[in-house]
Amino acid sequence: MIESQRYCPEILTQLRAVRSAVKSLEADVLQTHLTTCVTETFSSKRVSKAEKDQKIKELIGIFKRFD
């Protein structure tokens, strides 16, 4: 659109749509991660406390980056 010299508000509208789509995809991936990987880690009796603590640190890092 930039190369085609489209009107700036049109470009901004498309950029906002892309951002929204990416944000929605991030939420879907996070939900899948929470309902699979994290749930499995915490429900397993074979996983150590250290591994569970690491999973919590990982999640905290993810949420900090989403800000």
C-alpha atoms as a PDB file:
ATOM      1  CA  MET A   1       0.000   0.000   0.000  1.00  0.00           C
ATOM      2  CA  ILE A   2       2.882   2.335   0.755  1.00  0.00           C
ATOM      3  CA  GLU A   3       4.542   1.564  -2.567  1.00  0.00           C
ATOM      4  CA  SER A   4       1.217   2.199  -4.271  1.00  0.00           C
ATOM      5  CA  GLN A   5       1.027   5.546  -2.457  1.00  0.00           C
ATOM      6  CA  ARG A   6      -2.324   4.744  -0.899  1.00  0.00           C
ATOM      7  CA  TYR A   7      -3.956   7.305   1.356  1.00  0.00           C
ATOM      8  CA  CYS A   8      -2.357   7.284   4.816  1.00  0.00           C
ATOM      9  CA  PRO A   9      -5.580   6.632   6.779  1.00  0.00           C
ATOM     10  CA  GLU A  10      -6.209   3.543   4.641  1.00  0.00           C
ATOM     11  CA  ILE A  11      -2.738   2.249   5.486  1.00  0.00           C
ATOM     12  CA  LEU A  12      -3.265   2.957   9.177  1.00  0.00           C
ATOM     13  CA  THR A  13      -6.596   1.132   9.104  1.00  0.00           C
ATOM     14  CA  GLN A  14      -4.961  -1.924   7.570  1.00  0.00           C
ATOM     15  CA  LEU A  15      -2.125  -1.818  10.090  1.00  0.00           C
ATOM     16  CA  ARG A  16      -4.652  -1.734  12.933  1.00  0.00           C
ATOM     17  CA  ALA A  17      -6.446  -4.737  11.435  1.00  0.00           C
ATOM     18  CA  VAL A  18      -3.172  -6.683  11.235  1.00  0.00           C
ATOM     19  CA  ARG A  19      -2.358  -5.788  14.840  1.00  0.00           C
ATOM     20  CA  SER A  20      -5.770  -6.968  15.959  1.00  0.00           C
ATOM     21  CA  ALA A  21      -5.384 -10.260  14.085  1.00  0.00           C
ATOM     22  CA  VAL A  22      -1.939 -10.872  15.605  1.00  0.00           C
ATOM     23  CA  LYS A  23      -3.234 -10.050  19.086  1.00  0.00           C
ATOM     24  CA  SER A  24      -6.070 -12.534  18.637  1.00  0.00           C
ATOM     25  CA  LEU A  25      -3.629 -15.196  17.456  1.00  0.00           C
ATOM     26  CA  GLU A  26      -1.387 -14.525  20.483  1.00  0.00           C
ATOM     27  CA  ALA A  27      -4.375 -15.036  22.780  1.00  0.00           C
ATOM     28  CA  ASP A  28      -5.253 -18.325  21.064  1.00  0.00           C
ATOM     29  CA  VAL A  29      -1.684 -19.636  21.343  1.00  0.00           C
ATOM     30  CA  LEU A  30      -1.498 -18.593  25.000  1.00  0.00           C
ATOM     31  CA  GLN A  31      -4.810 -20.311  25.739  1.00  0.00           C
ATOM     32  CA  THR A  32      -3.597 -23.494  24.066  1.00  0.00           C
ATOM     33  CA  HIS A  33      -0.336 -23.343  26.011  1.00  0.00           C
ATOM     34  CA  LEU A  34      -2.192 -22.911  29.306  1.00  0.00           C
ATOM     35  CA  THR A  35      -4.683 -25.689  28.639  1.00  0.00           C
ATOM     36  CA  THR A  36      -2.087 -28.181  27.423  1.00  0.00           C
ATOM     37  CA  CYS A  37       1.547 -27.642  28.417  1.00  0.00           C
ATOM     38  CA  VAL A  38       0.953 -25.847  31.698  1.00  0.00           C
ATOM     39  CA  THR A  39      -1.953 -28.057  32.756  1.00  0.00           C
ATOM     40  CA  GLU A  40       0.049 -31.198  31.998  1.00  0.00           C
ATOM     41  CA  THR A  41       3.019 -29.906  33.969  1.00  0.00           C
ATOM     42  CA  PHE A  42       0.972 -29.168  37.068  1.00  0.00           C
ATOM     43  CA  SER A  43      -1.129 -32.319  36.936  1.00  0.00           C
ATOM     44  CA  SER A  44       1.849 -34.651  36.523  1.00  0.00           C
ATOM     45  CA  LYS A  45       3.209 -36.285  39.658  1.00  0.00           C
ATOM     46  CA  ARG A  46       6.517 -36.927  37.877  1.00  0.00           C
ATOM     47  CA  VAL A  47       7.306 -33.224  37.430  1.00  0.00           C
ATOM     48  CA  SER A  48       9.523 -31.683  40.091  1.00  0.00           C
ATOM     49  CA  LYS A  49       8.769 -28.517  42.001  1.00  0.00           C
ATOM     50  CA  ALA A  50      11.681 -26.862  40.190  1.00  0.00           C
ATOM     51  CA  GLU A  51      10.087 -27.650  36.817  1.00  0.00           C
ATOM     52  CA  LYS A  52       6.763 -26.258  37.997  1.00  0.00           C
ATOM     53  CA  ASP A  53       8.491 -23.125  39.292  1.00  0.00           C
ATOM     54  CA  GLN A  54      10.196 -22.753  35.912  1.00  0.00           C
ATOM     55  CA  LYS A  55       6.823 -22.954  34.161  1.00  0.00           C
ATOM     56  CA  ILE A  56       5.514 -20.180  36.430  1.00  0.00           C
ATOM     57  CA  LYS A  57       8.558 -18.006  35.631  1.00  0.00           C
ATOM     58  CA  GLU A  58       7.983 -18.654  31.942  1.00  0.00           C
ATOM     59  CA  LEU A  59       4.370 -17.488  32.221  1.00  0.00           C
ATOM     60  CA  ILE A  60       5.342 -14.381  34.154  1.00  0.00           C
ATOM     61  CA  GLY A  61       7.831 -13.538  31.403  1.00  0.00           C
ATOM     62  CA  ILE A  62       5.157 -14.022  28.754  1.00  0.00           C
ATOM     63  CA  PHE A  63       2.709 -11.728  30.520  1.00  0.00           C
ATOM     64  CA  LYS A  64       5.355  -9.044  31.052  1.00  0.00           C
ATOM     65  CA  ARG A  65       6.140  -9.053  27.322  1.00  0.00           C
ATOM     66  CA  PHE A  66       2.453  -8.713  26.427  1.00  0.00           C
ATOM     67  CA  ASP A  67       2.234  -5.349  28.130  1.00  0.00           C
END
